[in-house]
Amino acid sequence: MTTDVLRVIDPELSRQTESPAEIYALLRERIARYTMGDSTSGSVGTARRLLEGLLYCADLCRRMPPNDLATDAPLSARVKAGSEIAKRLEKRAKLLLYEATRLQPPIRNRSFQDTLHALPSFFRGYDADFFAQEIPCSFDYPLCHPVSDALLGVEYMLDYLRRWLVESRFLRAFSEDSLRTLYERYYIDSMDLLVNLFLPVAEMATLCALAGAPIGRLALAPAEYASVGQLLLQMDEQAAQRYILAASDRAVAQLGLDGEPVLEEMRQTARDLLFRLRAGFDSSRLIVFS
């Protein structure tokens, strides 16, 4: 996976605050280092990637400034500090990957497993010294709420793993049987399709909380579905949102989970669910999953 950091860090803005001569002197030095002194020119593509890398590291330093670095330090010092920050973030990401490997949900589909096996390739290919903005890994498994395209390098990896862990920990609160039953009715073939495992469970848990049904059952009777849908439709938009968000929070609490990350993931899922319900509620569509 490659990115274009210049679309995120405006090079024109950089030139307003940095000396162009300093930027390109540092770029020449980095090209020489990267080519081990064989060339001071290099290919245009490599030079661009190296420029993106130094701008990204300078931006990392600006956003996460070390205590021992003056704000007016030379660009080279700030780029070096940014590279060290990227390396520290990389260590955090490795710990999260360890947790992701250790804390897997009871049921995993093919894309989940394939992506989990592929994630270590990020650390084999990541180069915080020269190309800290790059993401040398593919992320086939779709998260329920994707990582922002504005995140680059190890910051993207960190957020992906954080979201992955939130979803996995939530799924671990349910039995394998209840998950399998729900997936079979929601996706039909959840094991081979490129689908997210968190979404149907989060939605059903919220619906169960709305209906006052046991969360762990992950199922409602047709009449319960219809009652919940009609109740939400009768409320004004703000009242319905408060109602469904409160139900989402109750579901999290009843599962014994806590923490803002899981609450926010559930709340966003509940907002999306409410939008679909109010946009065109059809109880027969929901009854299919009962």
C-alpha atoms as a PDB file:
ATOM      1  CA  MET A   1       0.000   0.000   0.000  1.00  0.00           C
ATOM      2  CA  THR A   2       1.464   3.361  -0.979  1.00  0.00           C
ATOM      3  CA  THR A   3       0.414   6.883  -0.115  1.00  0.00           C
ATOM      4  CA  ASP A   4       1.133  10.434  -1.221  1.00  0.00           C
ATOM      5  CA  VAL A   5       2.085  12.410   1.841  1.00  0.00           C
ATOM      6  CA  LEU A   6       2.189  15.634  -0.167  1.00  0.00           C
ATOM      7  CA  ARG A   7      -1.598  15.525  -0.391  1.00  0.00           C
ATOM      8  CA  VAL A   8      -1.741  15.577   3.399  1.00  0.00           C
ATOM      9  CA  ILE A   9       1.254  17.769   4.271  1.00  0.00           C
ATOM     10  CA  ASP A  10       1.055  20.732   1.912  1.00  0.00           C
ATOM     11  CA  PRO A  11       4.537  21.278   0.441  1.00  0.00           C
ATOM     12  CA  GLU A  12       3.711  24.931  -0.239  1.00  0.00           C
ATOM     13  CA  LEU A  13       2.996  25.409   3.455  1.00  0.00           C
ATOM     14  CA  SER A  14       6.292  23.733   4.267  1.00  0.00           C
ATOM     15  CA  ARG A  15       8.156  26.120   2.006  1.00  0.00           C
ATOM     16  CA  GLN A  16       6.585  29.088   3.762  1.00  0.00           C
ATOM     17  CA  THR A  17       8.032  27.981   7.106  1.00  0.00           C
ATOM     18  CA  GLU A  18      11.171  26.171   5.956  1.00  0.00           C
ATOM     19  CA  SER A  19      14.050  27.374   3.873  1.00  0.00           C
ATOM     20  CA  PRO A  20      13.751  25.811   0.391  1.00  0.00           C
ATOM     21  CA  ALA A  21      17.534  25.594   0.314  1.00  0.00           C
ATOM     22  CA  GLU A  22      17.496  23.676   3.612  1.00  0.00           C
ATOM     23  CA  ILE A  23      14.833  21.279   2.345  1.00  0.00           C
ATOM     24  CA  TYR A  24      16.648  20.415  -0.843  1.00  0.00           C
ATOM     25  CA  ALA A  25      20.084  20.286   0.767  1.00  0.00           C
ATOM     26  CA  LEU A  26      18.672  17.744   3.195  1.00  0.00           C
ATOM     27  CA  LEU A  27      17.016  15.893   0.321  1.00  0.00           C
ATOM     28  CA  ARG A  28      20.339  15.680  -1.534  1.00  0.00           C
ATOM     29  CA  GLU A  29      21.984  14.340   1.617  1.00  0.00           C
ATOM     30  CA  ARG A  30      19.267  11.725   2.070  1.00  0.00           C
ATOM     31  CA  ILE A  31      19.536  10.613  -1.561  1.00  0.00           C
ATOM     32  CA  ALA A  32      23.271  10.169  -1.082  1.00  0.00           C
ATOM     33  CA  ARG A  33      22.708   8.175   2.113  1.00  0.00           C
ATOM     34  CA  TYR A  34      20.021   6.019   0.551  1.00  0.00           C
ATOM     35  CA  THR A  35      22.157   5.213  -2.502  1.00  0.00           C
ATOM     36  CA  MET A  36      25.226   4.719  -0.270  1.00  0.00           C
ATOM     37  CA  GLY A  37      27.062   7.472  -2.072  1.00  0.00           C
ATOM     38  CA  ASP A  38      26.707   5.933  -5.520  1.00  0.00           C
ATOM     39  CA  SER A  39      24.592   8.819  -6.761  1.00  0.00           C
ATOM     40  CA  THR A  40      23.457  12.260  -5.661  1.00  0.00           C
ATOM     41  CA  SER A  41      20.639  12.356  -8.164  1.00  0.00           C
ATOM     42  CA  GLY A  42      18.716   9.075  -8.068  1.00  0.00           C
ATOM     43  CA  SER A  43      15.447   8.466  -9.853  1.00  0.00           C
ATOM     44  CA  VAL A  44      12.645  11.008  -9.726  1.00  0.00           C
ATOM     45  CA  GLY A  45      10.397   8.467  -8.032  1.00  0.00           C
ATOM     46  CA  THR A  46      12.924   7.721  -5.300  1.00  0.00           C
ATOM     47  CA  ALA A  47      13.635  11.410  -4.761  1.00  0.00           C
ATOM     48  CA  ARG A  48       9.926  12.082  -4.375  1.00  0.00           C
ATOM     49  CA  ARG A  49       9.528   9.274  -1.846  1.00  0.00           C
ATOM     50  CA  LEU A  50      12.509  10.571   0.124  1.00  0.00           C
ATOM     51  CA  LEU A  51      11.078  14.097   0.076  1.00  0.00           C
ATOM     52  CA  GLU A  52       7.744  12.775   1.296  1.00  0.00           C
ATOM     53  CA  GLY A  53       9.559  10.906   4.053  1.00  0.00           C
ATOM     54  CA  LEU A  54      11.444  13.905   5.374  1.00  0.00           C
ATOM     55  CA  LEU A  55       8.341  16.121   5.249  1.00  0.00           C
ATOM     56  CA  TYR A  56       6.346  13.477   7.091  1.00  0.00           C
ATOM     57  CA  CYS A  57       9.010  13.136   9.795  1.00  0.00           C
ATOM     58  CA  ALA A  58       9.173  16.911  10.193  1.00  0.00           C
ATOM     59  CA  ASP A  59       5.390  16.951  10.573  1.00  0.00           C
ATOM     60  CA  LEU A  60       5.519  14.145  13.153  1.00  0.00           C
ATOM     61  CA  CYS A  61       8.011  16.208  15.133  1.00  0.00           C
ATOM     62  CA  ARG A  62       5.724  19.235  14.899  1.00  0.00           C
ATOM     63  CA  ARG A  63       2.714  17.288  16.160  1.00  0.00           C
ATOM     64  CA  MET A  64       4.580  15.272  18.827  1.00  0.00           C
ATOM     65  CA  PRO A  65       7.512  17.532  19.747  1.00  0.00           C
ATOM     66  CA  PRO A  66      10.248  16.017  21.949  1.00  0.00           C
ATOM     67  CA  ASN A  67      10.807  17.895  25.194  1.00  0.00           C
ATOM     68  CA  ASP A  68      14.519  18.320  24.529  1.00  0.00           C
ATOM     69  CA  LEU A  69      14.201  19.811  21.030  1.00  0.00           C
ATOM     70  CA  ALA A  70      13.902  23.549  20.471  1.00  0.00           C
ATOM     71  CA  THR A  71      11.039  24.677  18.265  1.00  0.00           C
ATOM     72  CA  ASP A  72      13.506  26.540  16.055  1.00  0.00           C
ATOM     73  CA  ALA A  73      15.867  23.576  15.708  1.00  0.00           C
ATOM     74  CA  PRO A  74      17.308  22.957  12.237  1.00  0.00           C
ATOM     75  CA  LEU A  75      15.149  20.972   9.851  1.00  0.00           C
ATOM     76  CA  SER A  76      17.621  18.088   9.900  1.00  0.00           C
ATOM     77  CA  ALA A  77      17.266  17.791  13.688  1.00  0.00           C
ATOM     78  CA  ARG A  78      13.487  17.861  13.480  1.00  0.00           C
ATOM     79  CA  VAL A  79      13.420  15.252  10.734  1.00  0.00           C
ATOM     80  CA  LYS A  80      15.697  13.004  12.789  1.00  0.00           C
ATOM     81  CA  ALA A  81      13.446  13.489  15.823  1.00  0.00           C
ATOM     82  CA  GLY A  82      10.409  12.642  13.703  1.00  0.00           C
ATOM     83  CA  SER A  83      12.089   9.453  12.539  1.00  0.00           C
ATOM     84  CA  GLU A  84      12.719   8.462  16.163  1.00  0.00           C
ATOM     85  CA  ILE A  85       9.068   9.167  16.968  1.00  0.00           C
ATOM     86  CA  ALA A  86       8.038   6.879  14.099  1.00  0.00           C
ATOM     87  CA  LYS A  87      10.266   4.138  15.527  1.00  0.00           C
ATOM     88  CA  ARG A  88       8.631   4.476  18.946  1.00  0.00           C
ATOM     89  CA  LEU A  89       5.195   4.293  17.345  1.00  0.00           C
ATOM     90  CA  GLU A  90       6.345   1.213  15.456  1.00  0.00           C
ATOM     91  CA  LYS A  91       7.162  -0.483  18.777  1.00  0.00           C
ATOM     92  CA  ARG A  92       3.671   0.328  20.039  1.00  0.00           C
ATOM     93  CA  ALA A  93       2.178  -1.122  16.878  1.00  0.00           C
ATOM     94  CA  LYS A  94       4.144  -4.351  17.374  1.00  0.00           C
ATOM     95  CA  LEU A  95       2.631  -4.694  20.846  1.00  0.00           C
ATOM     96  CA  LEU A  96      -0.844  -4.171  19.405  1.00  0.00           C
ATOM     97  CA  LEU A  97      -0.179  -6.815  16.754  1.00  0.00           C
ATOM     98  CA  TYR A  98       0.830  -9.229  19.507  1.00  0.00           C
ATOM     99  CA  GLU A  99      -2.458  -8.469  21.267  1.00  0.00           C
ATOM    100  CA  ALA A 100      -4.396  -8.910  18.015  1.00  0.00           C
ATOM    101  CA  THR A 101      -2.805 -12.329  17.541  1.00  0.00           C
ATOM    102  CA  ARG A 102      -3.497 -13.323  21.140  1.00  0.00           C
ATOM    103  CA  LEU A 103      -7.052 -11.986  21.426  1.00  0.00           C
ATOM    104  CA  GLN A 104      -8.847 -13.457  18.431  1.00  0.00           C
ATOM    105  CA  PRO A 105     -12.649 -13.774  18.287  1.00  0.00           C
ATOM    106  CA  PRO A 106     -14.294 -17.210  18.506  1.00  0.00           C
ATOM    107  CA  ILE A 107     -15.049 -17.156  14.765  1.00  0.00           C
ATOM    108  CA  ARG A 108     -12.727 -15.784  12.076  1.00  0.00           C
ATOM    109  CA  ASN A 109     -13.379 -15.684   8.366  1.00  0.00           C
ATOM    110  CA  ARG A 110     -10.841 -16.096   5.601  1.00  0.00           C
ATOM    111  CA  SER A 111     -10.115 -12.397   5.063  1.00  0.00           C
ATOM    112  CA  PHE A 112      -9.644 -11.921   8.823  1.00  0.00           C
ATOM    113  CA  GLN A 113      -7.132 -14.765   8.989  1.00  0.00           C
ATOM    114  CA  ASP A 114      -5.317 -13.798   5.803  1.00  0.00           C
ATOM    115  CA  THR A 115      -4.962 -10.184   6.937  1.00  0.00           C
ATOM    116  CA  LEU A 116      -3.763 -11.186  10.401  1.00  0.00           C
ATOM    117  CA  HIS A 117      -1.086 -13.344   8.790  1.00  0.00           C
ATOM    118  CA  ALA A 118      -0.104 -10.495   6.442  1.00  0.00           C
ATOM    119  CA  LEU A 119       0.204  -7.733   9.058  1.00  0.00           C
ATOM    120  CA  PRO A 120       3.751  -8.691  10.181  1.00  0.00           C
ATOM    121  CA  SER A 121       4.956  -7.794   6.676  1.00  0.00           C
ATOM    122  CA  PHE A 122       4.452  -4.141   7.617  1.00  0.00           C
ATOM    123  CA  PHE A 123       7.257  -4.357  10.165  1.00  0.00           C
ATOM    124  CA  ARG A 124       9.541  -6.242   7.803  1.00  0.00           C
ATOM    125  CA  GLY A 125       9.151  -3.530   5.171  1.00  0.00           C
ATOM    126  CA  TYR A 126       8.740  -0.354   7.226  1.00  0.00           C
ATOM    127  CA  ASP A 127      11.641   2.116   6.969  1.00  0.00           C
ATOM    128  CA  ALA A 128      11.313   4.917   9.525  1.00  0.00           C
ATOM    129  CA  ASP A 129      14.634   6.453   8.469  1.00  0.00           C
ATOM    130  CA  PHE A 130      13.844   7.066   4.808  1.00  0.00           C
ATOM    131  CA  PHE A 131      10.206   6.252   4.033  1.00  0.00           C
ATOM    132  CA  ALA A 132       8.317   6.706   7.309  1.00  0.00           C
ATOM    133  CA  GLN A 133       5.197   7.826   5.414  1.00  0.00           C
ATOM    134  CA  GLU A 134       4.742   4.546   3.576  1.00  0.00           C
ATOM    135  CA  ILE A 135       2.546   1.582   4.498  1.00  0.00           C
ATOM    136  CA  PRO A 136       4.245  -1.592   3.199  1.00  0.00           C
ATOM    137  CA  CYS A 137       1.287  -3.861   3.838  1.00  0.00           C
ATOM    138  CA  SER A 138      -2.141  -4.678   2.450  1.00  0.00           C
ATOM    139  CA  PHE A 139      -5.251  -4.554   4.633  1.00  0.00           C
ATOM    140  CA  ASP A 140      -7.825  -6.829   3.017  1.00  0.00           C
ATOM    141  CA  TYR A 141     -10.076  -7.302   6.036  1.00  0.00           C
ATOM    142  CA  PRO A 142     -12.624  -4.464   6.113  1.00  0.00           C
ATOM    143  CA  LEU A 143     -13.043  -2.792   9.487  1.00  0.00           C
ATOM    144  CA  CYS A 144     -16.521  -1.638  10.439  1.00  0.00           C
ATOM    145  CA  HIS A 145     -15.304   1.964  10.557  1.00  0.00           C
ATOM    146  CA  PRO A 146     -12.234   2.363   8.347  1.00  0.00           C
ATOM    147  CA  VAL A 147      -9.045   4.186   9.193  1.00  0.00           C
ATOM    148  CA  SER A 148      -8.859   7.750   7.896  1.00  0.00           C
ATOM    149  CA  ASP A 149      -6.962   8.146   4.631  1.00  0.00           C
ATOM    150  CA  ALA A 150      -5.277  11.163   6.234  1.00  0.00           C
ATOM    151  CA  LEU A 151      -3.175   8.831   8.403  1.00  0.00           C
ATOM    152  CA  LEU A 152       0.137   7.685   6.971  1.00  0.00           C
ATOM    153  CA  GLY A 153       2.923   5.275   7.809  1.00  0.00           C
ATOM    154  CA  VAL A 154       2.935   3.715  11.252  1.00  0.00           C
ATOM    155  CA  GLU A 155       0.111   6.027  12.354  1.00  0.00           C
ATOM    156  CA  TYR A 156      -2.180   4.229   9.895  1.00  0.00           C
ATOM    157  CA  MET A 157      -1.018   0.856  11.177  1.00  0.00           C
ATOM    158  CA  LEU A 158      -1.574   1.895  14.794  1.00  0.00           C
ATOM    159  CA  ASP A 159      -5.124   3.046  14.166  1.00  0.00           C
ATOM    160  CA  TYR A 160      -5.945  -0.049  12.118  1.00  0.00           C
ATOM    161  CA  LEU A 161      -4.735  -2.303  14.924  1.00  0.00           C
ATOM    162  CA  ARG A 162      -6.538  -0.273  17.595  1.00  0.00           C
ATOM    163  CA  ARG A 163      -9.818  -0.613  15.719  1.00  0.00           C
ATOM    164  CA  TRP A 164      -9.140  -4.283  15.007  1.00  0.00           C
ATOM    165  CA  LEU A 165      -8.629  -4.950  18.736  1.00  0.00           C
ATOM    166  CA  VAL A 166     -11.786  -3.069  19.710  1.00  0.00           C
ATOM    167  CA  GLU A 167     -13.787  -5.240  17.329  1.00  0.00           C
ATOM    168  CA  SER A 168     -12.090  -8.478  18.418  1.00  0.00           C
ATOM    169  CA  ARG A 169     -12.548  -7.813  22.128  1.00  0.00           C
ATOM    170  CA  PHE A 170     -16.212  -7.074  21.549  1.00  0.00           C
ATOM    171  CA  LEU A 171     -16.725 -10.292  19.579  1.00  0.00           C
ATOM    172  CA  ARG A 172     -14.993 -12.311  22.296  1.00  0.00           C
ATOM    173  CA  ALA A 173     -17.860 -11.409  24.634  1.00  0.00           C
ATOM    174  CA  PHE A 174     -20.160 -13.752  22.664  1.00  0.00           C
ATOM    175  CA  SER A 175     -20.313 -17.508  22.307  1.00  0.00           C
ATOM    176  CA  GLU A 176     -19.191 -19.212  19.131  1.00  0.00           C
ATOM    177  CA  ASP A 177     -22.668 -20.679  18.613  1.00  0.00           C
ATOM    178  CA  SER A 178     -24.488 -17.337  18.853  1.00  0.00           C
ATOM    179  CA  LEU A 179     -22.005 -15.713  16.474  1.00  0.00           C
ATOM    180  CA  ARG A 180     -22.197 -18.530  13.945  1.00  0.00           C
ATOM    181  CA  THR A 181     -25.993 -18.495  13.955  1.00  0.00           C
ATOM    182  CA  LEU A 182     -26.100 -14.741  13.406  1.00  0.00           C
ATOM    183  CA  TYR A 183     -23.496 -14.791  10.631  1.00  0.00           C
ATOM    184  CA  GLU A 184     -25.281 -17.583   8.775  1.00  0.00           C
ATOM    185  CA  ARG A 185     -28.474 -15.531   8.693  1.00  0.00           C
ATOM    186  CA  TYR A 186     -26.845 -12.168   8.049  1.00  0.00           C
ATOM    187  CA  TYR A 187     -24.193 -13.029   5.449  1.00  0.00           C
ATOM    188  CA  ILE A 188     -25.157 -16.613   4.437  1.00  0.00           C
ATOM    189  CA  ASP A 189     -21.472 -17.306   3.671  1.00  0.00           C
ATOM    190  CA  SER A 190     -19.492 -15.249   6.162  1.00  0.00           C
ATOM    191  CA  MET A 191     -16.442 -17.507   6.048  1.00  0.00           C
ATOM    192  CA  ASP A 192     -15.433 -16.844   2.448  1.00  0.00           C
ATOM    193  CA  LEU A 193     -16.911 -13.404   1.756  1.00  0.00           C
ATOM    194  CA  LEU A 194     -14.939 -10.205   2.309  1.00  0.00           C
ATOM    195  CA  VAL A 195     -17.174  -9.007   5.149  1.00  0.00           C
ATOM    196  CA  ASN A 196     -16.764  -7.415   8.560  1.00  0.00           C
ATOM    197  CA  LEU A 197     -17.563  -9.623  11.552  1.00  0.00           C
ATOM    198  CA  PHE A 198     -18.210  -6.809  14.040  1.00  0.00           C
ATOM    199  CA  LEU A 199     -21.018  -4.997  12.214  1.00  0.00           C
ATOM    200  CA  PRO A 200     -23.892  -7.521  12.434  1.00  0.00           C
ATOM    201  CA  VAL A 201     -23.058  -8.337  16.052  1.00  0.00           C
ATOM    202  CA  ALA A 202     -22.907  -4.690  17.102  1.00  0.00           C
ATOM    203  CA  GLU A 203     -26.204  -3.977  15.358  1.00  0.00           C
ATOM    204  CA  MET A 204     -27.938  -7.001  16.864  1.00  0.00           C
ATOM    205  CA  ALA A 205     -26.607  -6.242  20.342  1.00  0.00           C
ATOM    206  CA  THR A 206     -28.022  -2.718  20.061  1.00  0.00           C
ATOM    207  CA  LEU A 207     -31.382  -4.015  18.836  1.00  0.00           C
ATOM    208  CA  CYS A 208     -31.508  -6.526  21.698  1.00  0.00           C
ATOM    209  CA  ALA A 209     -30.822  -3.733  24.183  1.00  0.00           C
ATOM    210  CA  LEU A 210     -33.588  -1.650  22.599  1.00  0.00           C
ATOM    211  CA  ALA A 211     -36.025  -4.540  22.960  1.00  0.00           C
ATOM    212  CA  GLY A 212     -34.929  -5.416  26.487  1.00  0.00           C
ATOM    213  CA  ALA A 213     -33.795  -8.859  25.325  1.00  0.00           C
ATOM    214  CA  PRO A 214     -30.649 -10.675  26.514  1.00  0.00           C
ATOM    215  CA  ILE A 215     -27.654  -9.253  24.640  1.00  0.00           C
ATOM    216  CA  GLY A 216     -25.808 -12.546  24.398  1.00  0.00           C
ATOM    217  CA  ARG A 217     -28.668 -14.192  22.536  1.00  0.00           C
ATOM    218  CA  LEU A 218     -28.078 -12.054  19.443  1.00  0.00           C
ATOM    219  CA  ALA A 219     -31.603 -12.714  18.223  1.00  0.00           C
ATOM    220  CA  LEU A 220     -35.064 -11.194  18.408  1.00  0.00           C
ATOM    221  CA  ALA A 221     -38.518 -12.474  17.609  1.00  0.00           C
ATOM    222  CA  PRO A 222     -40.184 -10.903  14.542  1.00  0.00           C
ATOM    223  CA  ALA A 223     -42.617  -8.989  16.741  1.00  0.00           C
ATOM    224  CA  GLU A 224     -39.720  -7.540  18.752  1.00  0.00           C
ATOM    225  CA  TYR A 225     -38.021  -6.328  15.567  1.00  0.00           C
ATOM    226  CA  ALA A 226     -41.164  -4.635  14.360  1.00  0.00           C
ATOM    227  CA  SER A 227     -41.827  -3.034  17.742  1.00  0.00           C
ATOM    228  CA  VAL A 228     -38.323  -1.577  17.964  1.00  0.00           C
ATOM    229  CA  GLY A 229     -38.453  -0.220  14.422  1.00  0.00           C
ATOM    230  CA  GLN A 230     -41.838   1.395  14.826  1.00  0.00           C
ATOM    231  CA  LEU A 231     -40.836   2.968  18.138  1.00  0.00           C
ATOM    232  CA  LEU A 232     -37.796   4.624  16.555  1.00  0.00           C
ATOM    233  CA  LEU A 233     -39.858   5.873  13.636  1.00  0.00           C
ATOM    234  CA  GLN A 234     -42.392   7.502  15.948  1.00  0.00           C
ATOM    235  CA  MET A 235     -39.707   9.617  17.661  1.00  0.00           C
ATOM    236  CA  ASP A 236     -38.181  12.776  16.266  1.00  0.00           C
ATOM    237  CA  GLU A 237     -34.619  12.415  15.016  1.00  0.00           C
ATOM    238  CA  GLN A 238     -32.862  13.743  18.122  1.00  0.00           C
ATOM    239  CA  ALA A 239     -34.959  11.668  20.506  1.00  0.00           C
ATOM    240  CA  ALA A 240     -34.419   8.537  18.416  1.00  0.00           C
ATOM    241  CA  GLN A 241     -30.679   9.107  18.392  1.00  0.00           C
ATOM    242  CA  ARG A 242     -30.550   9.554  22.167  1.00  0.00           C
ATOM    243  CA  TYR A 243     -32.632   6.416  22.573  1.00  0.00           C
ATOM    244  CA  ILE A 244     -30.516   4.193  20.347  1.00  0.00           C
ATOM    245  CA  LEU A 245     -27.217   5.523  21.730  1.00  0.00           C
ATOM    246  CA  ALA A 246     -28.396   4.811  25.265  1.00  0.00           C
ATOM    247  CA  ALA A 247     -29.264   1.269  24.160  1.00  0.00           C
ATOM    248  CA  SER A 248     -25.828   0.901  22.596  1.00  0.00           C
ATOM    249  CA  ASP A 249     -24.193   1.969  25.867  1.00  0.00           C
ATOM    250  CA  ARG A 250     -26.369  -0.493  27.809  1.00  0.00           C
ATOM    251  CA  ALA A 251     -25.269  -3.308  25.528  1.00  0.00           C
ATOM    252  CA  VAL A 252     -21.614  -2.511  26.184  1.00  0.00           C
ATOM    253  CA  ALA A 253     -22.208  -2.340  29.941  1.00  0.00           C
ATOM    254  CA  GLN A 254     -24.155  -5.615  30.027  1.00  0.00           C
ATOM    255  CA  LEU A 255     -21.306  -7.360  28.236  1.00  0.00           C
ATOM    256  CA  GLY A 256     -18.904  -6.162  30.918  1.00  0.00           C
ATOM    257  CA  LEU A 257     -16.896  -4.099  28.456  1.00  0.00           C
ATOM    258  CA  ASP A 258     -15.719  -0.582  29.116  1.00  0.00           C
ATOM    259  CA  GLY A 259     -13.551   2.138  27.672  1.00  0.00           C
ATOM    260  CA  GLU A 260     -14.190   4.951  25.236  1.00  0.00           C
ATOM    261  CA  PRO A 261     -12.947   3.086  22.118  1.00  0.00           C
ATOM    262  CA  VAL A 262     -15.569   0.332  22.274  1.00  0.00           C
ATOM    263  CA  LEU A 263     -18.273   2.810  23.274  1.00  0.00           C
ATOM    264  CA  GLU A 264     -17.492   5.048  20.298  1.00  0.00           C
ATOM    265  CA  GLU A 265     -17.360   2.137  17.845  1.00  0.00           C
ATOM    266  CA  MET A 266     -20.735   0.950  19.102  1.00  0.00           C
ATOM    267  CA  ARG A 267     -22.230   4.445  19.056  1.00  0.00           C
ATOM    268  CA  GLN A 268     -21.134   5.047  15.477  1.00  0.00           C
ATOM    269  CA  THR A 269     -22.600   1.704  14.453  1.00  0.00           C
ATOM    270  CA  ALA A 270     -25.840   2.621  16.237  1.00  0.00           C
ATOM    271  CA  ARG A 271     -25.992   5.984  14.426  1.00  0.00           C
ATOM    272  CA  ASP A 272     -25.564   4.250  11.078  1.00  0.00           C
ATOM    273  CA  LEU A 273     -28.215   1.682  11.991  1.00  0.00           C
ATOM    274  CA  LEU A 274     -30.660   4.404  12.996  1.00  0.00           C
ATOM    275  CA  PHE A 275     -30.086   6.236   9.712  1.00  0.00           C
ATOM    276  CA  ARG A 276     -30.927   3.115   7.709  1.00  0.00           C
ATOM    277  CA  LEU A 277     -33.964   2.336   9.827  1.00  0.00           C
ATOM    278  CA  ARG A 278     -35.383   5.829   9.512  1.00  0.00           C
ATOM    279  CA  ALA A 279     -34.496   6.082   5.827  1.00  0.00           C
ATOM    280  CA  GLY A 280     -36.658   3.116   4.970  1.00  0.00           C
ATOM    281  CA  PHE A 281     -37.694   0.812   7.757  1.00  0.00           C
ATOM    282  CA  ASP A 282     -38.744  -2.618   6.545  1.00  0.00           C
ATOM    283  CA  SER A 283     -39.338  -5.082   9.357  1.00  0.00           C
ATOM    284  CA  SER A 284     -39.377  -7.978   6.902  1.00  0.00           C
ATOM    285  CA  ARG A 285     -35.727  -7.262   6.072  1.00  0.00           C
ATOM    286  CA  LEU A 286     -34.827  -7.542   9.738  1.00  0.00           C
ATOM    287  CA  ILE A 287     -36.996 -10.597  10.351  1.00  0.00           C
ATOM    288  CA  VAL A 288     -34.788 -12.544   7.948  1.00  0.00           C
ATOM    289  CA  PHE A 289     -32.095 -12.435  10.621  1.00  0.00           C
ATOM    290  CA  SER A 290     -34.298 -13.502  13.529  1.00  0.00           C
END
